[in-house]
N, C-alpha and C. Protein backbone atom coordinates (compact mmCIF):
# COMPACT_ATOMS: atom_id res chain seq x y z
N MET A 1 109.98 112.07 113.20
CA MET A 1 109.48 110.72 112.46
C MET A 1 109.46 109.46 113.24
N ASN A 2 108.80 108.53 113.37
CA ASN A 2 109.34 107.44 113.83
C ASN A 2 108.59 106.30 112.78
N HIS A 3 108.80 105.25 113.16
CA HIS A 3 108.82 103.85 112.34
C HIS A 3 107.35 103.47 111.82
N SER A 4 106.45 104.13 112.26
CA SER A 4 105.08 104.03 111.93
C SER A 4 104.88 105.01 110.69
N ASP A 5 105.91 105.67 110.06
CA ASP A 5 105.53 106.34 109.02
C ASP A 5 106.60 105.87 107.82
N ILE A 6 106.97 104.70 108.19
CA ILE A 6 107.32 103.84 107.08
C ILE A 6 106.57 102.74 106.71
N SER A 7 106.47 102.36 105.26
CA SER A 7 105.99 101.15 104.95
C SER A 7 106.93 100.39 104.09
N CYS A 8 106.83 98.97 104.22
CA CYS A 8 107.61 98.20 103.62
C CYS A 8 106.91 97.31 102.50
N ARG A 9 107.62 97.13 101.61
CA ARG A 9 107.30 96.04 100.36
C ARG A 9 108.32 95.64 99.49
N VAL A 10 107.76 94.65 98.70
CA VAL A 10 108.86 94.11 98.11
C VAL A 10 108.95 94.96 96.76
N ALA A 11 110.25 95.03 96.29
CA ALA A 11 110.76 95.99 95.37
C ALA A 11 110.00 95.71 93.80
N THR A 12 109.62 96.49 93.10
CA THR A 12 109.66 96.22 91.61
C THR A 12 110.52 96.88 90.85
N ARG A 13 110.75 96.58 89.69
CA ARG A 13 111.35 96.89 88.43
C ARG A 13 111.75 98.27 88.45
N LEU A 14 110.56 99.02 88.61
CA LEU A 14 110.63 100.48 88.79
C LEU A 14 111.54 101.23 89.79
N ASP A 15 111.91 100.22 90.80
CA ASP A 15 112.66 101.04 91.79
C ASP A 15 114.05 100.96 91.73
N VAL A 16 114.49 100.29 90.60
CA VAL A 16 115.99 99.50 90.70
C VAL A 16 116.80 101.33 90.76
N GLU A 17 116.25 102.08 89.89
CA GLU A 17 117.08 103.56 89.96
C GLU A 17 117.37 104.11 91.45
N SER A 18 116.25 104.05 91.93
CA SER A 18 116.27 104.65 93.42
C SER A 18 117.29 103.78 94.49
N LEU A 19 117.43 102.32 94.13
CA LEU A 19 118.20 101.41 95.01
C LEU A 19 119.74 101.83 94.65
N LEU A 20 119.75 102.13 93.06
CA LEU A 20 121.44 102.42 93.05
C LEU A 20 121.67 103.74 93.37
N ASN A 21 120.88 104.52 94.00
CA ASN A 21 121.38 105.53 94.86
C ASN A 21 121.43 105.26 96.35
N LEU A 22 120.97 104.31 96.75
CA LEU A 22 120.93 103.99 98.01
C LEU A 22 121.87 102.67 98.55
N PHE A 23 122.22 101.88 97.47
CA PHE A 23 123.18 100.80 97.75
C PHE A 23 124.47 101.11 98.26
N PRO A 24 125.01 102.43 97.50
CA PRO A 24 126.55 102.86 97.99
C PRO A 24 126.68 103.18 99.17
N GLN A 25 125.61 103.41 100.06
CA GLN A 25 125.45 103.82 101.38
C GLN A 25 125.59 102.85 102.31
N ILE A 26 126.01 101.51 101.92
CA ILE A 26 126.25 100.51 102.69
C ILE A 26 127.58 100.70 103.62
N THR A 27 128.49 101.32 102.92
CA THR A 27 129.48 101.70 103.61
C THR A 27 129.84 103.25 104.15
N SER A 28 131.06 103.49 104.58
CA SER A 28 131.29 104.82 104.84
C SER A 28 132.46 105.44 104.22
N ARG A 29 132.80 104.18 103.21
CA ARG A 29 133.94 104.53 102.50
C ARG A 29 133.44 104.49 100.82
N PRO A 30 133.15 105.71 100.42
CA PRO A 30 132.56 105.97 99.11
C PRO A 30 133.32 105.19 97.99
N HIS A 31 134.63 104.93 97.96
CA HIS A 31 135.34 104.53 96.85
C HIS A 31 135.72 102.90 96.88
N SER A 32 135.15 102.24 98.15
CA SER A 32 135.45 100.85 98.27
C SER A 32 134.42 99.74 97.12
N LEU A 33 135.19 98.99 97.17
CA LEU A 33 134.18 98.01 96.36
C LEU A 33 132.95 97.78 96.73
N SER A 34 132.59 97.62 98.10
CA SER A 34 131.12 97.43 98.20
C SER A 34 130.41 98.74 97.96
N ALA A 35 130.96 99.94 97.52
CA ALA A 35 130.02 100.80 97.60
C ALA A 35 129.92 101.16 95.81
N LYS A 36 130.53 100.18 95.06
CA LYS A 36 130.10 100.24 93.40
C LYS A 36 129.06 99.44 93.07
N THR A 37 128.30 100.04 92.31
CA THR A 37 127.13 99.60 91.80
C THR A 37 127.37 99.60 89.95
N LEU A 38 126.36 98.98 89.49
CA LEU A 38 126.35 99.00 88.05
C LEU A 38 125.61 100.01 87.30
N GLY A 39 125.64 100.09 86.02
CA GLY A 39 124.61 101.03 85.32
C GLY A 39 123.15 100.45 85.43
N LEU A 40 122.42 101.25 84.98
CA LEU A 40 120.94 101.03 85.28
C LEU A 40 120.61 99.95 84.35
N GLU A 41 121.02 100.09 83.18
CA GLU A 41 120.67 98.92 82.24
C GLU A 41 120.79 97.35 82.93
N GLU A 42 122.31 97.40 83.28
CA GLU A 42 122.72 96.06 83.67
C GLU A 42 122.16 95.78 85.17
N SER A 43 121.85 96.75 85.74
CA SER A 43 120.91 96.51 87.22
C SER A 43 119.64 96.14 86.98
N ILE A 44 119.08 96.49 85.94
CA ILE A 44 117.59 96.00 85.82
C ILE A 44 118.00 94.56 85.20
N ARG A 45 118.84 94.18 84.61
CA ARG A 45 118.73 92.95 83.93
C ARG A 45 119.12 91.89 85.34
N ILE A 46 119.88 92.51 86.45
CA ILE A 46 120.16 91.72 87.30
C ILE A 46 118.95 91.74 88.32
N PHE A 47 118.16 92.72 88.30
CA PHE A 47 116.73 92.58 88.92
C PHE A 47 116.00 91.41 88.57
N ASP A 48 115.94 91.66 87.21
CA ASP A 48 115.02 90.80 86.59
C ASP A 48 115.42 89.09 86.77
N GLU A 49 116.60 88.83 86.83
CA GLU A 49 117.39 87.85 86.96
C GLU A 49 116.77 87.26 88.65
N MET A 50 117.04 88.17 89.37
CA MET A 50 116.94 87.80 90.83
C MET A 50 115.04 87.62 90.83
N SER A 51 114.22 88.63 90.14
CA SER A 51 113.03 87.94 90.09
C SER A 51 112.59 86.56 89.74
N ASP A 52 113.16 86.34 88.75
CA ASP A 52 112.91 85.18 87.88
C ASP A 52 113.02 83.95 88.95
N TYR A 53 114.20 83.92 89.69
CA TYR A 53 114.25 82.88 90.81
C TYR A 53 112.92 82.45 91.58
N GLY A 54 112.26 83.71 91.74
CA GLY A 54 110.96 83.74 92.85
C GLY A 54 111.08 83.28 94.20
N ASN A 55 112.47 83.09 94.45
CA ASN A 55 112.72 83.06 96.09
C ASN A 55 113.94 84.12 96.52
N ILE A 56 113.82 85.28 95.86
CA ILE A 56 114.89 86.11 96.46
C ILE A 56 113.97 87.29 96.17
N PHE A 57 114.04 88.26 97.29
CA PHE A 57 113.29 89.36 97.78
C PHE A 57 113.99 90.50 98.07
N ILE A 58 113.81 91.61 97.15
CA ILE A 58 114.48 92.87 97.65
C ILE A 58 113.29 93.29 98.06
N VAL A 59 113.29 93.95 99.72
CA VAL A 59 112.52 94.78 100.45
C VAL A 59 112.74 96.14 100.47
N VAL A 60 112.16 96.95 100.35
CA VAL A 60 112.25 98.48 100.62
C VAL A 60 111.47 98.92 101.65
N GLY A 61 112.07 99.76 102.17
CA GLY A 61 111.04 100.70 103.15
C GLY A 61 111.10 102.08 102.65
N GLU A 62 109.92 102.69 102.84
CA GLU A 62 109.72 103.85 102.18
C GLU A 62 109.17 104.97 103.15
N SER A 63 109.13 106.15 102.85
CA SER A 63 108.71 107.19 103.86
C SER A 63 108.43 108.29 102.87
N ASP A 64 108.12 109.80 103.07
CA ASP A 64 107.75 110.78 102.32
C ASP A 64 108.98 111.05 101.48
N LYS A 65 110.22 110.63 101.88
CA LYS A 65 111.23 111.02 101.37
C LYS A 65 111.47 109.89 100.04
N GLY A 66 110.72 109.22 99.82
CA GLY A 66 110.95 107.64 98.76
C GLY A 66 111.34 106.65 99.55
N ILE A 67 112.24 105.79 98.71
CA ILE A 67 112.86 104.56 99.24
C ILE A 67 114.19 105.11 100.21
N VAL A 68 114.04 104.77 101.30
CA VAL A 68 115.05 105.08 102.19
C VAL A 68 115.84 103.80 102.86
N ALA A 69 115.20 102.72 102.55
CA ALA A 69 116.18 101.50 103.17
C ALA A 69 115.80 100.29 102.33
N VAL A 70 116.76 99.51 102.35
CA VAL A 70 116.68 98.14 101.29
C VAL A 70 117.28 96.93 102.03
N LEU A 71 116.94 95.81 101.85
CA LEU A 71 117.68 94.46 101.99
C LEU A 71 117.49 93.50 101.06
N ILE A 72 118.27 92.80 100.62
CA ILE A 72 117.88 91.37 99.90
C ILE A 72 117.78 90.17 100.80
N MET A 73 116.70 89.39 100.48
CA MET A 73 116.75 88.34 101.22
C MET A 73 116.29 87.05 100.39
N ALA A 74 117.06 85.98 100.26
CA ALA A 74 116.86 84.77 99.52
C ALA A 74 116.34 83.85 100.34
N ILE A 75 115.62 83.08 99.81
CA ILE A 75 114.94 81.66 100.58
C ILE A 75 115.33 80.56 99.95
N VAL A 76 116.32 79.87 100.48
CA VAL A 76 117.10 78.53 100.08
C VAL A 76 116.11 77.34 100.52
N PRO A 77 116.04 76.34 99.41
CA PRO A 77 115.02 75.21 99.68
C PRO A 77 116.11 74.34 100.37
N ASN A 78 115.27 73.17 101.09
CA ASN A 78 116.31 72.74 102.28
C ASN A 78 115.82 71.07 102.29
N PHE A 79 116.82 70.09 102.42
CA PHE A 79 116.52 68.56 102.54
C PHE A 79 116.44 68.41 104.09
N THR A 80 116.98 69.14 105.23
CA THR A 80 116.85 69.03 106.56
C THR A 80 115.38 69.76 106.96
N TYR A 81 115.19 69.69 108.49
CA TYR A 81 114.26 70.23 109.03
C TYR A 81 112.73 70.12 108.19
N GLU A 82 112.33 68.79 108.06
CA GLU A 82 111.35 68.28 107.09
C GLU A 82 111.22 69.15 105.70
N GLY A 83 112.22 69.51 105.21
CA GLY A 83 111.97 70.15 104.01
C GLY A 83 111.58 71.47 104.25
N ARG A 84 111.81 72.20 105.38
CA ARG A 84 111.40 73.54 105.61
C ARG A 84 112.93 74.43 105.05
N PRO A 85 112.79 75.72 104.06
CA PRO A 85 113.52 76.34 103.75
C PRO A 85 114.28 77.27 104.81
N TRP A 86 115.37 77.75 104.52
CA TRP A 86 116.00 78.64 105.37
C TRP A 86 116.10 79.98 104.49
N ALA A 87 116.18 81.34 105.22
CA ALA A 87 116.34 82.60 104.44
C ALA A 87 117.94 83.04 104.93
N ILE A 88 118.37 83.75 104.08
CA ILE A 88 119.59 84.66 104.29
C ILE A 88 119.42 86.05 104.05
N ILE A 89 119.92 87.15 104.75
CA ILE A 89 119.82 88.39 104.68
C ILE A 89 121.06 89.04 104.12
N GLU A 90 121.00 89.96 103.10
CA GLU A 90 122.18 90.83 102.66
C GLU A 90 122.12 91.99 102.33
N ASN A 91 122.85 92.68 102.31
CA ASN A 91 123.03 94.27 101.51
C ASN A 91 121.82 94.91 102.65
N VAL A 92 121.91 94.96 103.76
CA VAL A 92 121.17 95.87 104.78
C VAL A 92 121.32 97.06 104.60
N VAL A 93 120.78 98.25 103.98
CA VAL A 93 121.09 99.68 104.00
C VAL A 93 120.01 100.63 104.18
N VAL A 94 120.27 101.56 105.28
CA VAL A 94 119.28 102.75 105.48
C VAL A 94 120.14 103.84 105.19
N ALA A 95 119.53 104.38 104.48
CA ALA A 95 120.05 106.09 103.93
C ALA A 95 120.65 106.64 105.02
N ARG A 96 121.61 107.22 105.10
CA ARG A 96 122.70 107.81 106.25
C ARG A 96 121.73 108.86 107.08
N GLU A 97 120.91 109.78 106.06
CA GLU A 97 120.19 110.75 106.98
C GLU A 97 118.95 110.43 107.46
N GLN A 98 118.58 108.88 107.20
CA GLN A 98 117.60 108.60 107.96
C GLN A 98 117.60 107.62 108.98
N ARG A 99 119.20 107.44 109.37
CA ARG A 99 119.40 106.15 110.56
C ARG A 99 118.82 106.65 111.81
N GLY A 100 118.57 105.83 112.58
CA GLY A 100 118.05 105.99 113.80
C GLY A 100 116.65 106.13 114.00
N LYS A 101 115.81 106.43 112.99
CA LYS A 101 114.41 106.67 112.96
C LYS A 101 113.51 105.57 112.87
N GLY A 102 114.19 104.37 113.24
CA GLY A 102 113.18 103.01 113.16
C GLY A 102 113.03 102.29 111.71
N PHE A 103 113.84 102.95 110.55
CA PHE A 103 113.48 102.26 109.43
C PHE A 103 114.15 101.00 109.11
N GLY A 104 115.25 100.77 109.94
CA GLY A 104 116.03 99.56 109.83
C GLY A 104 114.97 98.53 110.52
N LYS A 105 114.69 98.70 111.62
CA LYS A 105 113.71 97.91 112.55
C LYS A 105 112.36 97.59 111.75
N LYS A 106 111.76 98.46 111.20
CA LYS A 106 110.70 98.11 110.29
C LYS A 106 110.96 97.29 109.23
N LEU A 107 112.30 97.59 108.61
CA LEU A 107 112.51 96.70 107.35
C LEU A 107 112.82 95.30 107.79
N MET A 108 113.49 95.18 108.58
CA MET A 108 114.01 93.96 109.36
C MET A 108 112.83 93.16 109.73
N THR A 109 111.65 93.67 110.39
CA THR A 109 110.55 93.19 111.01
C THR A 109 109.80 92.41 109.73
N PHE A 110 109.60 93.46 108.60
CA PHE A 110 108.87 92.76 107.31
C PHE A 110 109.53 91.41 106.79
N ALA A 111 110.77 91.69 106.90
CA ALA A 111 111.60 90.44 106.22
C ALA A 111 111.66 89.16 106.87
N ILE A 112 111.67 89.41 108.44
CA ILE A 112 111.34 88.33 109.17
C ILE A 112 110.13 87.49 109.32
N ASN A 113 108.89 88.78 109.14
CA ASN A 113 107.71 87.83 109.08
C ASN A 113 107.57 87.45 107.83
N LEU A 114 108.12 87.96 106.39
CA LEU A 114 107.77 87.37 105.17
C LEU A 114 108.61 86.08 105.19
N ALA A 115 109.86 85.77 105.93
CA ALA A 115 110.46 84.29 105.92
C ALA A 115 109.70 83.63 106.82
N GLU A 116 109.03 83.86 107.76
CA GLU A 116 108.20 83.06 108.63
C GLU A 116 106.91 82.65 107.61
N GLU A 117 106.44 83.43 107.06
CA GLU A 117 105.48 83.17 106.22
C GLU A 117 105.51 82.14 105.25
N LYS A 118 106.82 82.19 104.61
CA LYS A 118 107.39 81.47 103.59
C LYS A 118 107.66 79.96 104.26
N GLY A 119 107.52 79.78 105.46
CA GLY A 119 107.88 78.47 106.06
C GLY A 119 109.03 78.34 106.59
N CYS A 120 109.99 79.27 106.41
CA CYS A 120 111.33 79.17 106.83
C CYS A 120 111.56 78.57 108.19
N TYR A 121 112.60 78.02 108.51
CA TYR A 121 112.99 77.38 110.00
C TYR A 121 113.87 78.42 110.71
N LYS A 122 114.67 79.38 109.81
CA LYS A 122 115.72 79.95 110.43
C LYS A 122 115.88 81.42 109.29
N LEU A 123 116.24 82.13 110.21
CA LEU A 123 116.68 83.29 109.16
C LEU A 123 118.17 83.56 109.63
N GLN A 124 119.15 83.85 108.57
CA GLN A 124 120.57 84.41 109.20
C GLN A 124 121.00 85.57 108.40
N LEU A 125 121.90 86.21 108.80
CA LEU A 125 122.90 87.24 108.39
C LEU A 125 124.17 87.24 108.97
N LEU A 126 124.94 87.90 108.15
CA LEU A 126 126.37 88.26 108.80
C LEU A 126 126.31 89.52 108.99
N SER A 127 127.05 90.04 110.13
CA SER A 127 126.95 91.51 110.60
C SER A 127 128.21 92.19 110.73
N GLY A 128 128.69 93.33 110.50
CA GLY A 128 129.68 93.93 111.05
C GLY A 128 129.94 93.92 112.48
N PRO A 129 131.17 94.07 113.02
CA PRO A 129 131.33 93.84 114.45
C PRO A 129 131.12 95.00 115.34
N ASN A 130 130.66 96.26 114.66
CA ASN A 130 130.54 97.45 115.50
C ASN A 130 129.23 97.09 116.54
N GLU A 131 129.53 97.46 117.57
CA GLU A 131 128.33 97.35 118.76
C GLU A 131 127.12 97.83 118.54
N ASP A 132 126.99 98.65 117.64
CA ASP A 132 125.52 99.48 117.42
C ASP A 132 125.12 98.46 116.51
N GLN A 133 125.56 97.66 115.36
CA GLN A 133 125.05 97.11 114.28
C GLN A 133 124.90 95.53 115.21
N VAL A 134 125.75 94.94 116.06
CA VAL A 134 125.42 93.91 116.63
C VAL A 134 124.08 94.11 117.87
N GLY A 135 124.17 95.30 118.49
CA GLY A 135 122.71 95.76 119.43
C GLY A 135 121.56 95.66 118.53
N PHE A 136 121.61 96.44 117.46
CA PHE A 136 120.68 96.52 116.39
C PHE A 136 119.91 95.05 116.12
N TYR A 137 120.61 94.22 115.94
CA TYR A 137 120.18 92.87 115.25
C TYR A 137 119.68 92.00 116.67
N ARG A 138 120.48 91.99 117.74
CA ARG A 138 119.97 91.41 119.12
C ARG A 138 118.82 92.15 119.35
N SER A 139 118.32 93.54 119.27
CA SER A 139 116.95 93.85 119.75
C SER A 139 115.97 93.33 119.07
N LEU A 140 116.21 92.73 117.68
CA LEU A 140 115.08 91.97 116.70
C LEU A 140 115.07 90.83 117.09
N GLY A 141 115.77 90.14 118.34
CA GLY A 141 115.67 88.80 118.78
C GLY A 141 116.46 87.87 117.89
N MET A 142 117.49 88.54 117.43
CA MET A 142 118.49 87.35 116.72
C MET A 142 119.65 87.27 117.53
N GLN A 143 120.20 86.12 117.49
CA GLN A 143 121.25 85.40 118.35
C GLN A 143 122.45 85.58 117.68
N ASP A 144 123.56 86.23 118.22
CA ASP A 144 124.77 85.95 117.76
C ASP A 144 125.86 85.11 118.48
N ARG A 145 125.14 84.39 119.67
CA ARG A 145 126.34 83.53 120.36
C ARG A 145 126.32 82.12 120.14
N THR A 146 125.16 81.78 119.30
CA THR A 146 124.81 80.23 119.12
C THR A 146 125.58 80.04 117.71
N SER A 147 126.34 80.78 116.89
CA SER A 147 126.81 80.44 115.63
C SER A 147 128.17 81.26 115.46
N ARG A 148 128.81 80.91 114.84
CA ARG A 148 130.00 81.71 114.25
C ARG A 148 129.96 81.95 112.70
N GLY A 149 129.99 83.39 112.28
CA GLY A 149 129.87 83.31 110.72
C GLY A 149 131.40 83.37 110.28
N PHE A 150 131.53 82.68 109.09
CA PHE A 150 132.76 82.76 108.11
C PHE A 150 132.43 83.53 106.72
N LYS A 151 133.52 84.14 106.46
CA LYS A 151 133.58 84.50 104.94
C LYS A 151 134.51 84.30 104.22
N LYS A 152 134.37 84.18 102.98
CA LYS A 152 135.48 84.04 102.09
C LYS A 152 135.33 85.04 100.77
N TYR A 153 135.96 86.16 100.54
CA TYR A 153 135.66 87.02 99.67
C TYR A 153 136.45 86.44 98.21
N PHE A 154 135.75 86.58 97.21
CA PHE A 154 136.20 86.36 96.00
C PHE A 154 137.25 87.39 95.19
N VAL A 155 137.01 88.50 95.63
CA VAL A 155 137.71 89.64 95.17
C VAL A 155 138.22 90.45 96.21
N GLU A 156 139.37 91.36 95.99
CA GLU A 156 140.03 92.33 96.77
C GLU A 156 139.16 92.93 97.56
N ARG A 157 139.40 93.14 98.83
CA ARG A 157 138.60 94.12 99.45
C ARG A 157 139.43 95.27 99.76
N GLU A 158 138.66 96.43 99.63
CA GLU A 158 139.33 97.59 100.08
C GLU A 158 139.27 98.25 101.35
C-alpha cells in the first residue's frame, strides 16, 4: 500500500470513537499519561468544544482499515504579519501497524495545505528528538534549525 491509498479529511463527531482507539498510540509507553484518553461521552463533549471554536481542525487519514492517522491543528488569529494567522499542530499519530506506508506524509501535507488555504503565514509543531521523527518533518520542508522549541508541562510526565 502506498500513500495514494489514503484519503484525508477533517474529522466529524462520528469519528470520535475511532480516535479514542488511535490516540493512545502516540507513545510506545501504554501506561504513560500521554496514552490516557477519556471516555466516549466526555471525548464527544471535547470534540464539540473544539468544533465550536471554528479554527481547530482534527484531521484524519483513512485507508481500507478505517481511520489510521490523526493530528490536531489550531489556527491562531494574529496581530503581526498583516493580521495573517499562524497554525500549530499537535498529537500527530499514525497507527503502529501502518507506519512507514505514507500515511503521515499524506496527513501532514493535507494539514499544510489547509493552513496555507486559511492564510496562515507559518505552521509550527514540536517534535520528539528521535532522528526518524526529525527526518520525517524535514522531508516535508519544515525547518528545525531556525527556532528552538520550549515546553512547560503542568502535569507530571511519566
